[in-house]
């Protein structure tokens, strides 16, 4: 493998890893939980990026590294996937 090819692959893997927490919340939440988090996000004036790394706020970007951070950012209690409706 050429160094440039390795660098590109590493960059793609890093981008996917950075989006992992967001993907888990979106894909494992139930309809009700997703609506609650969307409503809480809008009330704070944030934009949640379901295919991204977290939120855009009036003050910049918030990158979330865990599911817990996503819930806490919008002021909701963290729910495990099996607790989500």
PDB file of N, CA and C in Angstrom:
ATOM      1  N   UNK A   1       0.851  -1.173   0.000  1.00  0.00           N
ATOM      2  CA  UNK A   1       0.000   0.000   0.000  1.00  0.00           C
ATOM      3  C   UNK A   1       0.896   1.235   0.000  1.00  0.00           C
ATOM      4  N   UNK A   2       0.545   2.169  -0.832  1.00  0.00           N
ATOM      5  CA  UNK A   2       1.289   3.427  -0.919  1.00  0.00           C
ATOM      6  C   UNK A   2       0.962   4.309   0.295  1.00  0.00           C
ATOM      7  N   UNK A   3       1.907   5.147   0.724  1.00  0.00           N
ATOM      8  CA  UNK A   3       1.663   6.004   1.887  1.00  0.00           C
ATOM      9  C   UNK A   3       0.434   6.905   1.732  1.00  0.00           C
ATOM     10  N   UNK A   4       0.236   7.443   0.540  1.00  0.00           N
ATOM     11  CA  UNK A   4      -0.921   8.320   0.325  1.00  0.00           C
ATOM     12  C   UNK A   4      -2.240   7.542   0.477  1.00  0.00           C
ATOM     13  N   UNK A   5      -2.266   6.335  -0.037  1.00  0.00           N
ATOM     14  CA  UNK A   5      -3.455   5.493   0.086  1.00  0.00           C
ATOM     15  C   UNK A   5      -3.724   5.151   1.555  1.00  0.00           C
ATOM     16  N   UNK A   6      -2.692   4.854   2.292  1.00  0.00           N
ATOM     17  CA  UNK A   6      -2.828   4.549   3.716  1.00  0.00           C
ATOM     18  C   UNK A   6      -3.358   5.761   4.478  1.00  0.00           C
ATOM     19  N   UNK A   7      -2.875   6.951   4.131  1.00  0.00           N
ATOM     20  CA  UNK A   7      -3.328   8.179   4.786  1.00  0.00           C
ATOM     21  C   UNK A   7      -4.815   8.419   4.528  1.00  0.00           C
ATOM     22  N   UNK A   8      -5.263   8.191   3.297  1.00  0.00           N
ATOM     23  CA  UNK A   8      -6.668   8.381   2.954  1.00  0.00           C
ATOM     24  C   UNK A   8      -7.565   7.395   3.705  1.00  0.00           C
ATOM     25  N   UNK A   9      -7.145   6.156   3.790  1.00  0.00           N
ATOM     26  CA  UNK A   9      -7.916   5.141   4.514  1.00  0.00           C
ATOM     27  C   UNK A   9      -7.988   5.495   5.995  1.00  0.00           C
ATOM     28  N   UNK A  10      -6.868   5.898   6.571  1.00  0.00           N
ATOM     29  CA  UNK A  10      -6.847   6.275   7.984  1.00  0.00           C
ATOM     30  C   UNK A  10      -7.779   7.461   8.236  1.00  0.00           C
ATOM     31  N   UNK A  11      -7.809   8.412   7.330  1.00  0.00           N
ATOM     32  CA  UNK A  11      -8.695   9.567   7.468  1.00  0.00           C
ATOM     33  C   UNK A  11     -10.158   9.166   7.441  1.00  0.00           C
ATOM     34  N   UNK A  12     -10.521   8.240   6.555  1.00  0.00           N
ATOM     35  CA  UNK A  12     -11.906   7.776   6.472  1.00  0.00           C
ATOM     36  C   UNK A  12     -12.309   7.027   7.738  1.00  0.00           C
ATOM     37  N   UNK A  13     -11.406   6.194   8.266  1.00  0.00           N
ATOM     38  CA  UNK A  13     -11.709   5.453   9.493  1.00  0.00           C
ATOM     39  C   UNK A  13     -11.885   6.400  10.671  1.00  0.00           C
ATOM     40  N   UNK A  14     -11.041   7.423  10.746  1.00  0.00           N
ATOM     41  CA  UNK A  14     -11.149   8.398  11.829  1.00  0.00           C
ATOM     42  C   UNK A  14     -12.486   9.116  11.755  1.00  0.00           C
ATOM     43  N   UNK A  15     -12.898   9.518  10.561  1.00  0.00           N
ATOM     44  CA  UNK A  15     -14.176  10.208  10.392  1.00  0.00           C
ATOM     45  C   UNK A  15     -15.331   9.316  10.827  1.00  0.00           C
ATOM     46  N   UNK A  16     -15.287   8.041  10.487  1.00  0.00           N
ATOM     47  CA  UNK A  16     -16.355   7.118  10.890  1.00  0.00           C
ATOM     48  C   UNK A  16     -16.374   6.944  12.406  1.00  0.00           C
ATOM     49  N   UNK A  17     -15.201   6.826  13.015  1.00  0.00           N
ATOM     50  CA  UNK A  17     -15.125   6.675  14.465  1.00  0.00           C
ATOM     51  C   UNK A  17     -15.692   7.908  15.163  1.00  0.00           C
ATOM     52  N   UNK A  18     -15.391   9.106  14.647  1.00  0.00           N
ATOM     53  CA  UNK A  18     -15.882  10.333  15.265  1.00  0.00           C
ATOM     54  C   UNK A  18     -17.397  10.433  15.202  1.00  0.00           C
ATOM     55  N   UNK A  19     -18.022   9.760  14.280  1.00  0.00           N
ATOM     56  CA  UNK A  19     -19.479   9.805  14.135  1.00  0.00           C
ATOM     57  C   UNK A  19     -20.183   8.657  14.855  1.00  0.00           C
ATOM     58  N   UNK A  20     -19.435   7.790  15.489  1.00  0.00           N
ATOM     59  CA  UNK A  20     -19.995   6.573  16.073  1.00  0.00           C
ATOM     60  C   UNK A  20     -21.056   6.871  17.124  1.00  0.00           C
ATOM     61  N   UNK A  21     -20.799   7.759  18.068  1.00  0.00           N
ATOM     62  CA  UNK A  21     -21.760   8.045  19.143  1.00  0.00           C
ATOM     63  C   UNK A  21     -23.061   8.589  18.579  1.00  0.00           C
ATOM     64  N   UNK A  22     -22.962   9.484  17.606  1.00  0.00           N
ATOM     65  CA  UNK A  22     -24.157  10.051  16.986  1.00  0.00           C
ATOM     66  C   UNK A  22     -24.969   8.953  16.300  1.00  0.00           C
ATOM     67  N   UNK A  23     -24.293   8.095  15.559  1.00  0.00           N
ATOM     68  CA  UNK A  23     -24.977   7.012  14.856  1.00  0.00           C
ATOM     69  C   UNK A  23     -25.690   6.085  15.842  1.00  0.00           C
ATOM     70  N   UNK A  24     -25.066   5.795  16.965  1.00  0.00           N
ATOM     71  CA  UNK A  24     -25.703   4.922  17.962  1.00  0.00           C
ATOM     72  C   UNK A  24     -26.989   5.521  18.505  1.00  0.00           C
ATOM     73  N   UNK A  25     -26.953   6.807  18.841  1.00  0.00           N
ATOM     74  CA  UNK A  25     -28.144   7.449  19.393  1.00  0.00           C
ATOM     75  C   UNK A  25     -29.267   7.470  18.360  1.00  0.00           C
ATOM     76  N   UNK A  26     -28.937   7.860  17.147  1.00  0.00           N
ATOM     77  CA  UNK A  26     -29.963   7.973  16.107  1.00  0.00           C
ATOM     78  C   UNK A  26     -30.552   6.610  15.754  1.00  0.00           C
ATOM     79  N   UNK A  27     -29.699   5.612  15.614  1.00  0.00           N
ATOM     80  CA  UNK A  27     -30.169   4.298  15.169  1.00  0.00           C
ATOM     81  C   UNK A  27     -30.792   3.458  16.274  1.00  0.00           C
ATOM     82  N   UNK A  28     -30.418   3.700  17.531  1.00  0.00           N
ATOM     83  CA  UNK A  28     -30.928   2.852  18.606  1.00  0.00           C
ATOM     84  C   UNK A  28     -32.054   3.501  19.399  1.00  0.00           C
ATOM     85  N   UNK A  29     -32.277   4.780  19.185  1.00  0.00           N
ATOM     86  CA  UNK A  29     -33.349   5.449  19.913  1.00  0.00           C
ATOM     87  C   UNK A  29     -34.687   5.028  19.367  1.00  0.00           C
ATOM     88  N   UNK A  30     -35.709   5.079  20.124  1.00  0.00           N
ATOM     89  CA  UNK A  30     -37.039   4.856  19.586  1.00  0.00           C
ATOM     90  C   UNK A  30     -37.568   6.159  19.012  1.00  0.00           C
ATOM     91  N   UNK A  31     -38.726   6.095  18.392  1.00  0.00           N
ATOM     92  CA  UNK A  31     -39.322   7.298  17.797  1.00  0.00           C
ATOM     93  C   UNK A  31     -39.529   8.383  18.857  1.00  0.00           C
ATOM     94  N   UNK A  32     -40.051   7.999  20.016  1.00  0.00           N
ATOM     95  CA  UNK A  32     -40.325   8.973  21.074  1.00  0.00           C
ATOM     96  C   UNK A  32     -39.039   9.609  21.589  1.00  0.00           C
ATOM     97  N   UNK A  33     -38.029   8.809  21.828  1.00  0.00           N
ATOM     98  CA  UNK A  33     -36.748   9.340  22.316  1.00  0.00           C
ATOM     99  C   UNK A  33     -36.128  10.268  21.286  1.00  0.00           C
ATOM    100  N   UNK A  34     -36.154   9.888  20.021  1.00  0.00           N
ATOM    101  CA  UNK A  34     -35.592  10.744  18.979  1.00  0.00           C
ATOM    102  C   UNK A  34     -36.344  12.068  18.880  1.00  0.00           C
ATOM    103  N   UNK A  35     -37.663  12.026  19.029  1.00  0.00           N
ATOM    104  CA  UNK A  35     -38.440  13.278  18.991  1.00  0.00           C
ATOM    105  C   UNK A  35     -38.133  14.157  20.196  1.00  0.00           C
ATOM    106  N   UNK A  36     -37.990  13.541  21.358  1.00  0.00           N
ATOM    107  CA  UNK A  36     -37.649  14.321  22.558  1.00  0.00           C
ATOM    108  C   UNK A  36     -36.286  15.001  22.400  1.00  0.00           C
ATOM    109  N   UNK A  37     -35.324  14.257  21.903  1.00  0.00           N
ATOM    110  CA  UNK A  37     -33.991  14.855  21.743  1.00  0.00           C
ATOM    111  C   UNK A  37     -33.997  15.924  20.656  1.00  0.00           C
ATOM    112  N   UNK A  38     -34.765  15.720  19.581  1.00  0.00           N
ATOM    113  CA  UNK A  38     -34.851  16.741  18.527  1.00  0.00           C
ATOM    114  C   UNK A  38     -35.498  18.012  19.057  1.00  0.00           C
ATOM    115  N   UNK A  39     -36.556  17.862  19.841  1.00  0.00           N
ATOM    116  CA  UNK A  39     -37.235  19.016  20.421  1.00  0.00           C
ATOM    117  C   UNK A  39     -36.319  19.760  21.384  1.00  0.00           C
ATOM    118  N   UNK A  40     -35.612  19.018  22.237  1.00  0.00           N
ATOM    119  CA  UNK A  40     -34.680  19.640  23.188  1.00  0.00           C
ATOM    120  C   UNK A  40     -33.556  20.372  22.455  1.00  0.00           C
ATOM    121  N   UNK A  41     -33.107  19.793  21.350  1.00  0.00           N
ATOM    122  CA  UNK A  41     -32.053  20.422  20.543  1.00  0.00           C
ATOM    123  C   UNK A  41     -32.532  21.758  19.992  1.00  0.00           C
ATOM    124  N   UNK A  42     -33.713  21.768  19.411  1.00  0.00           N
ATOM    125  CA  UNK A  42     -34.255  22.999  18.827  1.00  0.00           C
ATOM    126  C   UNK A  42     -34.509  24.059  19.890  1.00  0.00           C
ATOM    127  N   UNK A  43     -34.976  23.647  21.055  1.00  0.00           N
ATOM    128  CA  UNK A  43     -35.231  24.605  22.143  1.00  0.00           C
ATOM    129  C   UNK A  43     -33.956  25.320  22.584  1.00  0.00           C
ATOM    130  N   UNK A  44     -32.830  24.630  22.475  1.00  0.00           N
ATOM    131  CA  UNK A  44     -31.553  25.240  22.843  1.00  0.00           C
ATOM    132  C   UNK A  44     -30.976  26.086  21.710  1.00  0.00           C
ATOM    133  N   UNK A  45     -31.626  26.038  20.544  1.00  0.00           N
ATOM    134  CA  UNK A  45     -31.130  26.795  19.401  1.00  0.00           C
ATOM    135  C   UNK A  45     -29.981  26.097  18.693  1.00  0.00           C
ATOM    136  N   UNK A  46     -29.894  24.776  18.870  1.00  0.00           N
ATOM    137  CA  UNK A  46     -28.822  23.992  18.263  1.00  0.00           C
ATOM    138  C   UNK A  46     -29.335  23.281  17.018  1.00  0.00           C
ATOM    139  N   UNK A  47     -28.405  22.809  16.225  1.00  0.00           N
ATOM    140  CA  UNK A  47     -28.715  21.957  15.078  1.00  0.00           C
ATOM    141  C   UNK A  47     -27.960  20.648  15.286  1.00  0.00           C
ATOM    142  N   UNK A  48     -28.692  19.541  15.338  1.00  0.00           N
ATOM    143  CA  UNK A  48     -28.088  18.226  15.527  1.00  0.00           C
ATOM    144  C   UNK A  48     -27.784  17.619  14.170  1.00  0.00           C
ATOM    145  N   UNK A  49     -26.606  17.089  14.011  1.00  0.00           N
ATOM    146  CA  UNK A  49     -26.192  16.482  12.751  1.00  0.00           C
ATOM    147  C   UNK A  49     -26.253  14.964  12.887  1.00  0.00           C
ATOM    148  N   UNK A  50     -27.342  14.380  12.424  1.00  0.00           N
ATOM    149  CA  UNK A  50     -27.554  12.942  12.561  1.00  0.00           C
ATOM    150  C   UNK A  50     -26.495  12.123  11.833  1.00  0.00           C
ATOM    151  N   UNK A  51     -25.878  12.681  10.826  1.00  0.00           N
ATOM    152  CA  UNK A  51     -24.803  11.986  10.096  1.00  0.00           C
ATOM    153  C   UNK A  51     -23.455  12.626  10.388  1.00  0.00           C
ATOM    154  N   UNK A  52     -23.405  13.426  11.426  1.00  0.00           N
ATOM    155  CA  UNK A  52     -22.173  14.150  11.729  1.00  0.00           C
ATOM    156  C   UNK A  52     -21.577  13.769  13.061  1.00  0.00           C
ATOM    157  N   UNK A  53     -20.957  14.755  13.705  1.00  0.00           N
ATOM    158  CA  UNK A  53     -20.231  14.485  14.942  1.00  0.00           C
ATOM    159  C   UNK A  53     -20.905  15.073  16.170  1.00  0.00           C
ATOM    160  N   UNK A  54     -22.015  15.752  15.993  1.00  0.00           N
ATOM    161  CA  UNK A  54     -22.660  16.355  17.150  1.00  0.00           C
ATOM    162  C   UNK A  54     -23.565  17.506  16.756  1.00  0.00           C
ATOM    163  N   UNK A  55     -23.294  18.690  17.323  1.00  0.00           N
ATOM    164  CA  UNK A  55     -24.191  19.829  17.181  1.00  0.00           C
ATOM    165  C   UNK A  55     -23.466  21.052  16.635  1.00  0.00           C
ATOM    166  N   UNK A  56     -24.241  21.873  15.939  1.00  0.00           N
ATOM    167  CA  UNK A  56     -23.800  23.218  15.620  1.00  0.00           C
ATOM    168  C   UNK A  56     -24.621  24.141  16.506  1.00  0.00           C
ATOM    169  N   UNK A  57     -23.959  25.060  17.164  1.00  0.00           N
ATOM    170  CA  UNK A  57     -24.622  26.003  18.057  1.00  0.00           C
ATOM    171  C   UNK A  57     -24.302  27.418  17.580  1.00  0.00           C
ATOM    172  N   UNK A  58     -24.969  28.418  18.130  1.00  0.00           N
ATOM    173  CA  UNK A  58     -24.618  29.786  17.773  1.00  0.00           C
ATOM    174  C   UNK A  58     -23.156  30.127  18.099  1.00  0.00           C
ATOM    175  N   UNK A  59     -22.566  29.383  19.039  1.00  0.00           N
ATOM    176  CA  UNK A  59     -21.175  29.634  19.443  1.00  0.00           C
ATOM    177  C   UNK A  59     -20.165  28.725  18.763  1.00  0.00           C
ATOM    178  N   UNK A  60     -20.612  27.827  17.892  1.00  0.00           N
ATOM    179  CA  UNK A  60     -19.685  26.918  17.214  1.00  0.00           C
ATOM    180  C   UNK A  60     -20.177  25.480  17.267  1.00  0.00           C
ATOM    181  N   UNK A  61     -19.243  24.576  17.059  1.00  0.00           N
ATOM    182  CA  UNK A  61     -19.571  23.152  16.989  1.00  0.00           C
ATOM    183  C   UNK A  61     -19.296  22.463  18.319  1.00  0.00           C
ATOM    184  N   UNK A  62     -20.188  21.539  18.680  1.00  0.00           N
ATOM    185  CA  UNK A  62     -19.973  20.675  19.840  1.00  0.00           C
ATOM    186  C   UNK A  62     -19.811  19.264  19.307  1.00  0.00           C
ATOM    187  N   UNK A  63     -18.643  18.701  19.502  1.00  0.00           N
ATOM    188  CA  UNK A  63     -18.366  17.341  19.049  1.00  0.00           C
ATOM    189  C   UNK A  63     -18.578  16.399  20.222  1.00  0.00           C
ATOM    190  N   UNK A  64     -19.427  15.417  20.026  1.00  0.00           N
ATOM    191  CA  UNK A  64     -19.754  14.477  21.096  1.00  0.00           C
ATOM    192  C   UNK A  64     -19.018  13.160  20.884  1.00  0.00           C
ATOM    193  N   UNK A  65     -18.381  12.677  21.929  1.00  0.00           N
ATOM    194  CA  UNK A  65     -17.612  11.437  21.873  1.00  0.00           C
ATOM    195  C   UNK A  65     -18.381  10.246  22.435  1.00  0.00           C
ATOM    196  N   UNK A  66     -19.542  10.502  23.039  1.00  0.00           N
ATOM    197  CA  UNK A  66     -20.303   9.398  23.626  1.00  0.00           C
ATOM    198  C   UNK A  66     -21.795   9.691  23.538  1.00  0.00           C
ATOM    199  N   UNK A  67     -22.584   8.641  23.675  1.00  0.00           N
ATOM    200  CA  UNK A  67     -24.033   8.812  23.709  1.00  0.00           C
ATOM    201  C   UNK A  67     -24.435   9.714  24.879  1.00  0.00           C
ATOM    202  N   UNK A  68     -23.808   9.495  26.024  1.00  0.00           N
ATOM    203  CA  UNK A  68     -24.121  10.285  27.216  1.00  0.00           C
ATOM    204  C   UNK A  68     -23.933  11.779  26.935  1.00  0.00           C
ATOM    205  N   UNK A  69     -22.859  12.141  26.259  1.00  0.00           N
ATOM    206  CA  UNK A  69     -22.613  13.546  25.935  1.00  0.00           C
ATOM    207  C   UNK A  69     -23.721  14.140  25.071  1.00  0.00           C
ATOM    208  N   UNK A  70     -24.244  13.352  24.159  1.00  0.00           N
ATOM    209  CA  UNK A  70     -25.315  13.848  23.285  1.00  0.00           C
ATOM    210  C   UNK A  70     -26.548  14.184  24.115  1.00  0.00           C
ATOM    211  N   UNK A  71     -26.957  13.277  24.988  1.00  0.00           N
ATOM    212  CA  UNK A  71     -28.120  13.529  25.826  1.00  0.00           C
ATOM    213  C   UNK A  71     -27.866  14.715  26.760  1.00  0.00           C
ATOM    214  N   UNK A  72     -26.706  14.748  27.399  1.00  0.00           N
ATOM    215  CA  UNK A  72     -26.404  15.821  28.344  1.00  0.00           C
ATOM    216  C   UNK A  72     -26.324  17.181  27.664  1.00  0.00           C
ATOM    217  N   UNK A  73     -25.848  17.222  26.446  1.00  0.00           N
ATOM    218  CA  UNK A  73     -25.724  18.488  25.716  1.00  0.00           C
ATOM    219  C   UNK A  73     -27.078  19.166  25.551  1.00  0.00           C
ATOM    220  N   UNK A  74     -28.133  18.384  25.370  1.00  0.00           N
ATOM    221  CA  UNK A  74     -29.462  18.979  25.187  1.00  0.00           C
ATOM    222  C   UNK A  74     -30.296  18.955  26.466  1.00  0.00           C
ATOM    223  N   UNK A  75     -29.686  18.542  27.579  1.00  0.00           N
ATOM    224  CA  UNK A  75     -30.358  18.601  28.871  1.00  0.00           C
ATOM    225  C   UNK A  75     -31.305  17.455  29.159  1.00  0.00           C
ATOM    226  N   UNK A  76     -31.069  16.309  28.526  1.00  0.00           N
ATOM    227  CA  UNK A  76     -31.892  15.134  28.780  1.00  0.00           C
ATOM    228  C   UNK A  76     -31.103  14.090  29.562  1.00  0.00           C
ATOM    229  N   UNK A  77     -31.787  13.270  30.356  1.00  0.00           N
ATOM    230  CA  UNK A  77     -31.076  12.192  31.045  1.00  0.00           C
ATOM    231  C   UNK A  77     -30.627  11.141  30.030  1.00  0.00           C
ATOM    232  N   UNK A  78     -29.448  10.591  30.269  1.00  0.00           N
ATOM    233  CA  UNK A  78     -28.939   9.540  29.392  1.00  0.00           C
ATOM    234  C   UNK A  78     -29.795   8.297  29.543  1.00  0.00           C
ATOM    235  N   UNK A  79     -30.172   7.711  28.425  1.00  0.00           N
ATOM    236  CA  UNK A  79     -30.927   6.467  28.421  1.00  0.00           C
ATOM    237  C   UNK A  79     -30.118   5.411  27.673  1.00  0.00           C
ATOM    238  N   UNK A  80     -30.049   4.223  28.257  1.00  0.00           N
ATOM    239  CA  UNK A  80     -29.421   3.109  27.548  1.00  0.00           C
ATOM    240  C   UNK A  80     -30.327   2.727  26.372  1.00  0.00           C
ATOM    241  N   UNK A  81     -29.774   2.110  25.336  1.00  0.00           N
ATOM    242  CA  UNK A  81     -30.602   1.778  24.167  1.00  0.00           C
ATOM    243  C   UNK A  81     -31.872   0.995  24.503  1.00  0.00           C
ATOM    244  N   UNK A  82     -31.806   0.083  25.444  1.00  0.00           N
ATOM    245  CA  UNK A  82     -32.988  -0.722  25.788  1.00  0.00           C
ATOM    246  C   UNK A  82     -34.018   0.073  26.589  1.00  0.00           C
ATOM    247  N   UNK A  83     -33.649   1.268  27.075  1.00  0.00           N
ATOM    248  CA  UNK A  83     -34.576   2.120  27.827  1.00  0.00           C
ATOM    249  C   UNK A  83     -35.304   3.129  26.913  1.00  0.00           C
ATOM    250  N   UNK A  84     -34.876   3.226  25.679  1.00  0.00           N
ATOM    251  CA  UNK A  84     -35.425   4.236  24.763  1.00  0.00           C
ATOM    252  C   UNK A  84     -36.717   3.776  24.141  1.00  0.00           C
ATOM    253  N   UNK A  85     -37.649   4.712  23.998  1.00  0.00           N
ATOM    254  CA  UNK A  85     -38.934   4.386  23.383  1.00  0.00           C
ATOM    255  C   UNK A  85     -39.026   5.001  22.002  1.00  0.00           C
TER     256      UNK A  85
END
